[in-house]
Amino acid sequence: MTSATDTGPSGLALPLALAAELAASAPALRRAPEIRGGNGGRDRRAARRRAARVGR
């Protein structure tokens, strides 16, 4: 008795390859500065909340 792996590549091999290719060619999404990280991200988010509360 032979298993599915003995007969060839799994059924997921092609979809995974296509997904990897699409992910590589997709443009990177721009993220908000506080999500991207770096120094002062938390302070920037707090400043935005204060400005929104005051109404600028």
N, C-alpha and C. Protein backbone atom coordinates (compact mmCIF):
# COMPACT_ATOMS: atom_id res chain seq x y z
N MET A 1 0.85 -1.19 0.00
CA MET A 1 0.00 0.00 0.00
C MET A 1 0.89 1.25 0.00
N THR A 2 0.64 2.17 -0.90
CA THR A 2 1.45 3.38 -0.98
C THR A 2 0.68 4.55 -0.41
N SER A 3 1.39 5.44 0.23
CA SER A 3 0.75 6.63 0.79
C SER A 3 0.76 7.75 -0.24
N ALA A 4 0.07 8.83 0.06
CA ALA A 4 -0.01 9.96 -0.87
C ALA A 4 1.36 10.62 -1.07
N THR A 5 2.21 10.56 -0.06
CA THR A 5 3.52 11.20 -0.18
C THR A 5 4.46 10.40 -1.07
N ASP A 6 4.19 9.11 -1.24
CA ASP A 6 5.05 8.30 -2.09
C ASP A 6 4.79 8.56 -3.58
N THR A 7 3.62 9.05 -3.91
CA THR A 7 3.27 9.21 -5.32
C THR A 7 3.72 10.55 -5.89
N GLY A 8 4.11 11.48 -5.07
CA GLY A 8 4.56 12.76 -5.60
C GLY A 8 4.38 13.87 -4.58
N PRO A 9 4.50 15.11 -5.03
CA PRO A 9 4.37 16.24 -4.10
C PRO A 9 2.95 16.34 -3.55
N SER A 10 2.84 16.94 -2.41
CA SER A 10 1.53 17.05 -1.78
C SER A 10 0.64 18.00 -2.57
N GLY A 11 -0.64 17.94 -2.31
CA GLY A 11 -1.58 18.81 -2.99
C GLY A 11 -1.42 20.27 -2.62
N LEU A 12 -0.70 20.54 -1.52
CA LEU A 12 -0.50 21.92 -1.08
C LEU A 12 0.72 22.58 -1.71
N ALA A 13 1.56 21.81 -2.38
CA ALA A 13 2.81 22.37 -2.90
C ALA A 13 2.56 23.50 -3.88
N LEU A 14 1.66 23.31 -4.83
CA LEU A 14 1.41 24.35 -5.83
C LEU A 14 0.73 25.58 -5.22
N PRO A 15 -0.35 25.42 -4.44
CA PRO A 15 -0.95 26.62 -3.83
C PRO A 15 0.02 27.39 -2.94
N LEU A 16 0.88 26.68 -2.21
CA LEU A 16 1.85 27.38 -1.37
C LEU A 16 2.86 28.14 -2.21
N ALA A 17 3.28 27.56 -3.32
CA ALA A 17 4.22 28.24 -4.20
C ALA A 17 3.58 29.49 -4.80
N LEU A 18 2.32 29.37 -5.21
CA LEU A 18 1.63 30.53 -5.77
C LEU A 18 1.44 31.62 -4.71
N ALA A 19 1.09 31.22 -3.51
CA ALA A 19 0.90 32.20 -2.43
C ALA A 19 2.21 32.92 -2.12
N ALA A 20 3.31 32.18 -2.11
CA ALA A 20 4.60 32.80 -1.84
C ALA A 20 4.98 33.79 -2.94
N GLU A 21 4.69 33.43 -4.18
CA GLU A 21 5.00 34.33 -5.30
C GLU A 21 4.16 35.60 -5.23
N LEU A 22 2.87 35.44 -4.92
CA LEU A 22 2.00 36.61 -4.82
C LEU A 22 2.42 37.51 -3.66
N ALA A 23 2.81 36.91 -2.55
CA ALA A 23 3.23 37.70 -1.40
C ALA A 23 4.50 38.47 -1.71
N ALA A 24 5.39 37.88 -2.48
CA ALA A 24 6.65 38.54 -2.82
C ALA A 24 6.41 39.71 -3.77
N SER A 25 5.42 39.58 -4.65
CA SER A 25 5.19 40.64 -5.64
C SER A 25 4.24 41.71 -5.13
N ALA A 26 3.54 41.47 -4.03
CA ALA A 26 2.58 42.44 -3.51
C ALA A 26 3.33 43.61 -2.89
N PRO A 27 2.87 44.83 -3.11
CA PRO A 27 3.53 45.99 -2.50
C PRO A 27 3.32 45.99 -0.99
N ALA A 28 4.30 46.48 -0.29
CA ALA A 28 4.20 46.55 1.17
C ALA A 28 3.19 47.62 1.56
N LEU A 29 2.36 47.31 2.52
CA LEU A 29 1.35 48.27 2.97
C LEU A 29 2.01 49.30 3.88
N ARG A 30 1.62 50.54 3.71
CA ARG A 30 2.13 51.60 4.58
C ARG A 30 1.42 51.51 5.92
N ARG A 31 2.17 51.61 6.98
CA ARG A 31 1.59 51.52 8.31
C ARG A 31 1.79 52.84 9.04
N ALA A 32 0.93 53.08 9.99
CA ALA A 32 1.04 54.30 10.78
C ALA A 32 2.37 54.30 11.53
N PRO A 33 2.95 55.47 11.75
CA PRO A 33 4.26 55.53 12.41
C PRO A 33 4.29 54.84 13.77
N GLU A 34 3.20 54.95 14.53
CA GLU A 34 3.25 54.33 15.86
C GLU A 34 3.17 52.81 15.78
N ILE A 35 2.64 52.29 14.68
CA ILE A 35 2.60 50.84 14.52
C ILE A 35 3.97 50.35 14.05
N ARG A 36 4.63 51.14 13.20
CA ARG A 36 5.93 50.76 12.68
C ARG A 36 6.97 50.65 13.78
N GLY A 37 6.79 51.41 14.83
CA GLY A 37 7.74 51.33 15.92
C GLY A 37 8.78 52.42 15.85
N GLY A 38 9.88 52.20 16.50
CA GLY A 38 10.91 53.21 16.58
C GLY A 38 10.82 53.95 17.89
N ASN A 39 11.62 54.96 18.04
CA ASN A 39 11.63 55.71 19.29
C ASN A 39 10.46 56.68 19.37
N GLY A 40 9.81 56.72 20.50
CA GLY A 40 8.75 57.70 20.72
C GLY A 40 7.41 57.34 20.13
N GLY A 41 7.19 56.12 19.73
CA GLY A 41 5.90 55.74 19.17
C GLY A 41 4.76 55.92 20.15
N ARG A 42 5.02 55.57 21.39
CA ARG A 42 3.96 55.69 22.40
C ARG A 42 3.66 57.15 22.68
N ASP A 43 4.68 57.99 22.71
CA ASP A 43 4.48 59.42 22.95
C ASP A 43 3.68 60.06 21.81
N ARG A 44 3.97 59.65 20.59
CA ARG A 44 3.27 60.20 19.44
C ARG A 44 1.79 59.83 19.49
N ARG A 45 1.49 58.59 19.87
CA ARG A 45 0.11 58.15 19.96
C ARG A 45 -0.63 58.93 21.04
N ALA A 46 0.03 59.17 22.16
CA ALA A 46 -0.59 59.95 23.24
C ALA A 46 -0.84 61.38 22.79
N ALA A 47 0.09 61.95 22.04
CA ALA A 47 -0.09 63.31 21.54
C ALA A 47 -1.27 63.40 20.59
N ARG A 48 -1.45 62.39 19.77
CA ARG A 48 -2.60 62.38 18.85
C ARG A 48 -3.90 62.30 19.63
N ARG A 49 -3.92 61.49 20.68
CA ARG A 49 -5.14 61.38 21.49
C ARG A 49 -5.45 62.70 22.18
N ARG A 50 -4.42 63.36 22.70
CA ARG A 50 -4.64 64.66 23.36
C ARG A 50 -5.16 65.68 22.36
N ALA A 51 -4.59 65.71 21.17
CA ALA A 51 -5.02 66.66 20.15
C ALA A 51 -6.46 66.40 19.73
N ALA A 52 -6.83 65.13 19.61
CA ALA A 52 -8.20 64.80 19.23
C ALA A 52 -9.18 65.19 20.33
N ARG A 53 -8.76 65.03 21.58
CA ARG A 53 -9.64 65.36 22.71
C ARG A 53 -9.86 66.86 22.80
N VAL A 54 -8.82 67.64 22.56
CA VAL A 54 -8.91 69.09 22.66
C VAL A 54 -9.65 69.65 21.45
N GLY A 55 -9.57 68.96 20.33
CA GLY A 55 -10.22 69.45 19.11
C GLY A 55 -9.28 70.29 18.27
N ARG A 56 -7.99 70.21 18.59
CA ARG A 56 -6.93 70.96 17.90
C ARG A 56 -7.25 72.41 17.98
